[in-house]
Amino acid sequence: MFRSKRIVAALLVMAGALTHQARAEAPAAIVTPVMTKPLDDYPGKEALMILVEYPPGAADPVHRHHAHGFIYVLEGSIVMQVRGGKEVTLTPGQSFYEGPNDVHTVGHNASQTKPAKFLVLLLKDKGAPVLVPEK
């Protein structure tokens, strides 16, 4: 019985390591700034528009934006979720919203073979980072 427990424990450790390795090897998103515009009517705020391309299999780390984030899918299919929300799969023409207090727990290309592309509009504090990693 003791040996069985050790084998199960070893298998769980190996499964965790393989899952971590698969995430670490996922292709990174390609982020291209489109424009930044100070919002003069809202002192200290700015709008930032970025184009995000997910290569096949790409995934984001868990993060937050400290901004209002509006996502609009242009090509492919993406999976999004914020903490406490429902996981959704989005296709071209569909949108997603993240609030300033949301933690983005899931963000990845739904396909392992086709790229995905989406536009993001962030309303944020001037000069604040686009993405803050979350533990």
Protein backbone atom coordinates (compact mmCIF):
# COMPACT_ATOMS: atom_id res chain seq x y z
CA MET A 1 0.00 0.00 0.00
CA PHE A 2 2.82 2.41 0.89
CA ARG A 3 4.46 1.70 -2.48
CA SER A 4 1.18 2.46 -4.32
CA LYS A 5 0.94 5.83 -2.58
CA ARG A 6 4.52 6.66 -3.59
CA ILE A 7 3.80 5.73 -7.22
CA VAL A 8 0.63 7.86 -7.27
CA ALA A 9 2.53 10.77 -5.70
CA ALA A 10 5.31 10.44 -8.29
CA LEU A 11 2.78 10.36 -11.13
CA LEU A 12 1.08 13.50 -9.81
CA VAL A 13 4.42 15.33 -9.62
CA MET A 14 5.27 14.25 -13.18
CA ALA A 15 1.85 15.34 -14.47
CA GLY A 16 2.27 18.74 -12.82
CA ALA A 17 5.73 19.15 -14.32
CA LEU A 18 4.49 18.21 -17.80
CA THR A 19 1.56 20.64 -17.53
CA HIS A 20 3.92 23.43 -16.44
CA GLN A 21 6.33 22.58 -19.27
CA ALA A 22 3.53 22.61 -21.86
CA ARG A 23 2.42 26.05 -20.69
CA ALA A 24 5.99 27.34 -20.65
CA GLU A 25 6.50 26.16 -24.24
CA ALA A 26 3.27 27.69 -25.60
CA PRO A 27 4.02 30.33 -28.24
CA ALA A 28 3.81 33.90 -27.02
CA ALA A 29 1.26 36.42 -28.22
CA ILE A 30 2.51 39.05 -30.67
CA VAL A 31 1.41 42.52 -29.53
CA THR A 32 1.54 45.50 -31.90
CA PRO A 33 0.70 49.00 -30.63
CA VAL A 34 -1.84 50.71 -32.91
CA MET A 35 -2.31 54.05 -31.16
CA THR A 36 -2.24 55.88 -27.84
CA LYS A 37 -4.43 58.91 -27.20
CA PRO A 38 -4.50 61.04 -24.04
CA LEU A 39 -8.09 61.56 -22.88
CA ASP A 40 -8.04 65.29 -22.15
CA ASP A 41 -11.58 65.22 -20.72
CA TYR A 42 -10.35 62.63 -18.18
CA PRO A 43 -7.10 63.99 -16.68
CA GLY A 44 -4.47 61.32 -16.15
CA LYS A 45 -6.22 58.81 -18.43
CA GLU A 46 -5.41 57.51 -21.90
CA ALA A 47 -6.77 55.13 -24.51
CA LEU A 48 -4.40 52.49 -25.86
CA MET A 49 -5.26 50.33 -28.85
CA ILE A 50 -3.22 47.20 -29.55
CA LEU A 51 -3.43 44.38 -32.07
CA VAL A 52 -2.83 40.95 -30.55
CA GLU A 53 -1.96 37.93 -32.67
CA TYR A 54 -2.03 34.46 -31.16
CA PRO A 55 -0.01 31.93 -33.14
CA PRO A 56 -1.48 28.41 -33.06
CA GLY A 57 -1.43 27.16 -29.47
CA ALA A 58 -0.50 30.56 -27.99
CA ALA A 59 -1.56 31.37 -24.43
CA ASP A 60 -1.27 34.31 -22.05
CA PRO A 61 -0.14 34.07 -18.43
CA VAL A 62 -2.64 34.95 -15.71
CA HIS A 63 -2.64 38.76 -15.54
CA ARG A 64 -4.61 41.94 -15.04
CA HIS A 65 -4.70 45.26 -16.86
CA HIS A 66 -5.92 47.76 -14.22
CA ALA A 67 -7.97 49.16 -17.11
CA HIS A 68 -11.25 48.84 -18.89
CA GLY A 69 -10.45 46.40 -21.70
CA PHE A 70 -12.57 45.91 -24.80
CA ILE A 71 -11.61 42.95 -27.02
CA TYR A 72 -12.88 42.47 -30.59
CA VAL A 73 -11.99 39.31 -32.51
CA LEU A 74 -10.86 39.83 -36.11
CA GLU A 75 -9.67 36.35 -37.14
CA GLY A 76 -9.63 32.84 -35.73
CA SER A 77 -11.04 31.79 -32.39
CA ILE A 78 -9.92 32.71 -28.86
CA VAL A 79 -10.85 31.54 -25.37
CA MET A 80 -11.20 34.15 -22.60
CA GLN A 81 -12.15 34.14 -18.93
CA VAL A 82 -11.82 36.45 -15.94
CA ARG A 83 -11.76 35.20 -12.35
CA GLY A 84 -15.31 34.40 -11.26
CA GLY A 85 -16.62 34.61 -14.83
CA LYS A 86 -17.55 32.02 -17.39
CA GLU A 87 -15.01 30.76 -19.94
CA VAL A 88 -16.10 31.83 -23.43
CA THR A 89 -14.91 30.99 -26.92
CA LEU A 90 -15.05 33.96 -29.27
CA THR A 91 -15.03 34.05 -33.08
CA PRO A 92 -14.70 36.95 -35.56
CA GLY A 93 -17.12 39.77 -34.82
CA GLN A 94 -17.57 38.82 -31.15
CA SER A 95 -16.32 40.87 -28.21
CA PHE A 96 -15.25 40.52 -24.58
CA TYR A 97 -14.88 42.97 -21.69
CA GLU A 98 -12.49 43.07 -18.74
CA GLY A 99 -12.88 45.55 -15.90
CA PRO A 100 -10.07 47.30 -14.02
CA ASN A 101 -10.37 44.89 -11.08
CA ASP A 102 -10.65 41.71 -13.15
CA VAL A 103 -7.95 39.04 -13.20
CA HIS A 104 -7.63 37.51 -16.67
CA THR A 105 -7.30 33.81 -15.83
CA VAL A 106 -7.73 32.32 -19.31
CA GLY A 107 -6.57 33.77 -22.61
CA HIS A 108 -5.47 31.52 -25.45
CA ASN A 109 -5.91 30.56 -29.07
CA ALA A 110 -8.68 27.97 -29.36
CA SER A 111 -6.78 26.32 -32.23
CA GLN A 112 -3.51 24.38 -32.28
CA THR A 113 -3.28 24.81 -36.07
CA LYS A 114 -4.65 28.28 -37.02
CA PRO A 115 -3.65 31.76 -35.83
CA ALA A 116 -6.08 34.19 -34.19
CA LYS A 117 -6.08 37.99 -34.21
CA PHE A 118 -7.96 40.50 -32.07
CA LEU A 119 -8.04 44.21 -31.35
CA VAL A 120 -7.88 45.48 -27.75
CA LEU A 121 -8.86 48.95 -26.56
CA LEU A 122 -7.67 49.75 -23.04
CA LEU A 123 -8.84 52.81 -21.10
CA LYS A 124 -6.17 53.22 -18.44
CA ASP A 125 -4.01 55.53 -16.35
CA LYS A 126 -1.45 57.45 -18.45
CA GLY A 127 1.84 55.57 -18.55
CA ALA A 128 0.54 52.56 -16.63
CA PRO A 129 1.77 49.16 -17.87
CA VAL A 130 -0.44 47.33 -20.35
CA LEU A 131 -0.26 44.04 -18.47
CA VAL A 132 0.57 43.15 -14.87
CA PRO A 133 1.36 39.46 -14.18
CA GLU A 134 -0.80 37.93 -11.45
CA LYS A 135 0.18 35.05 -9.20
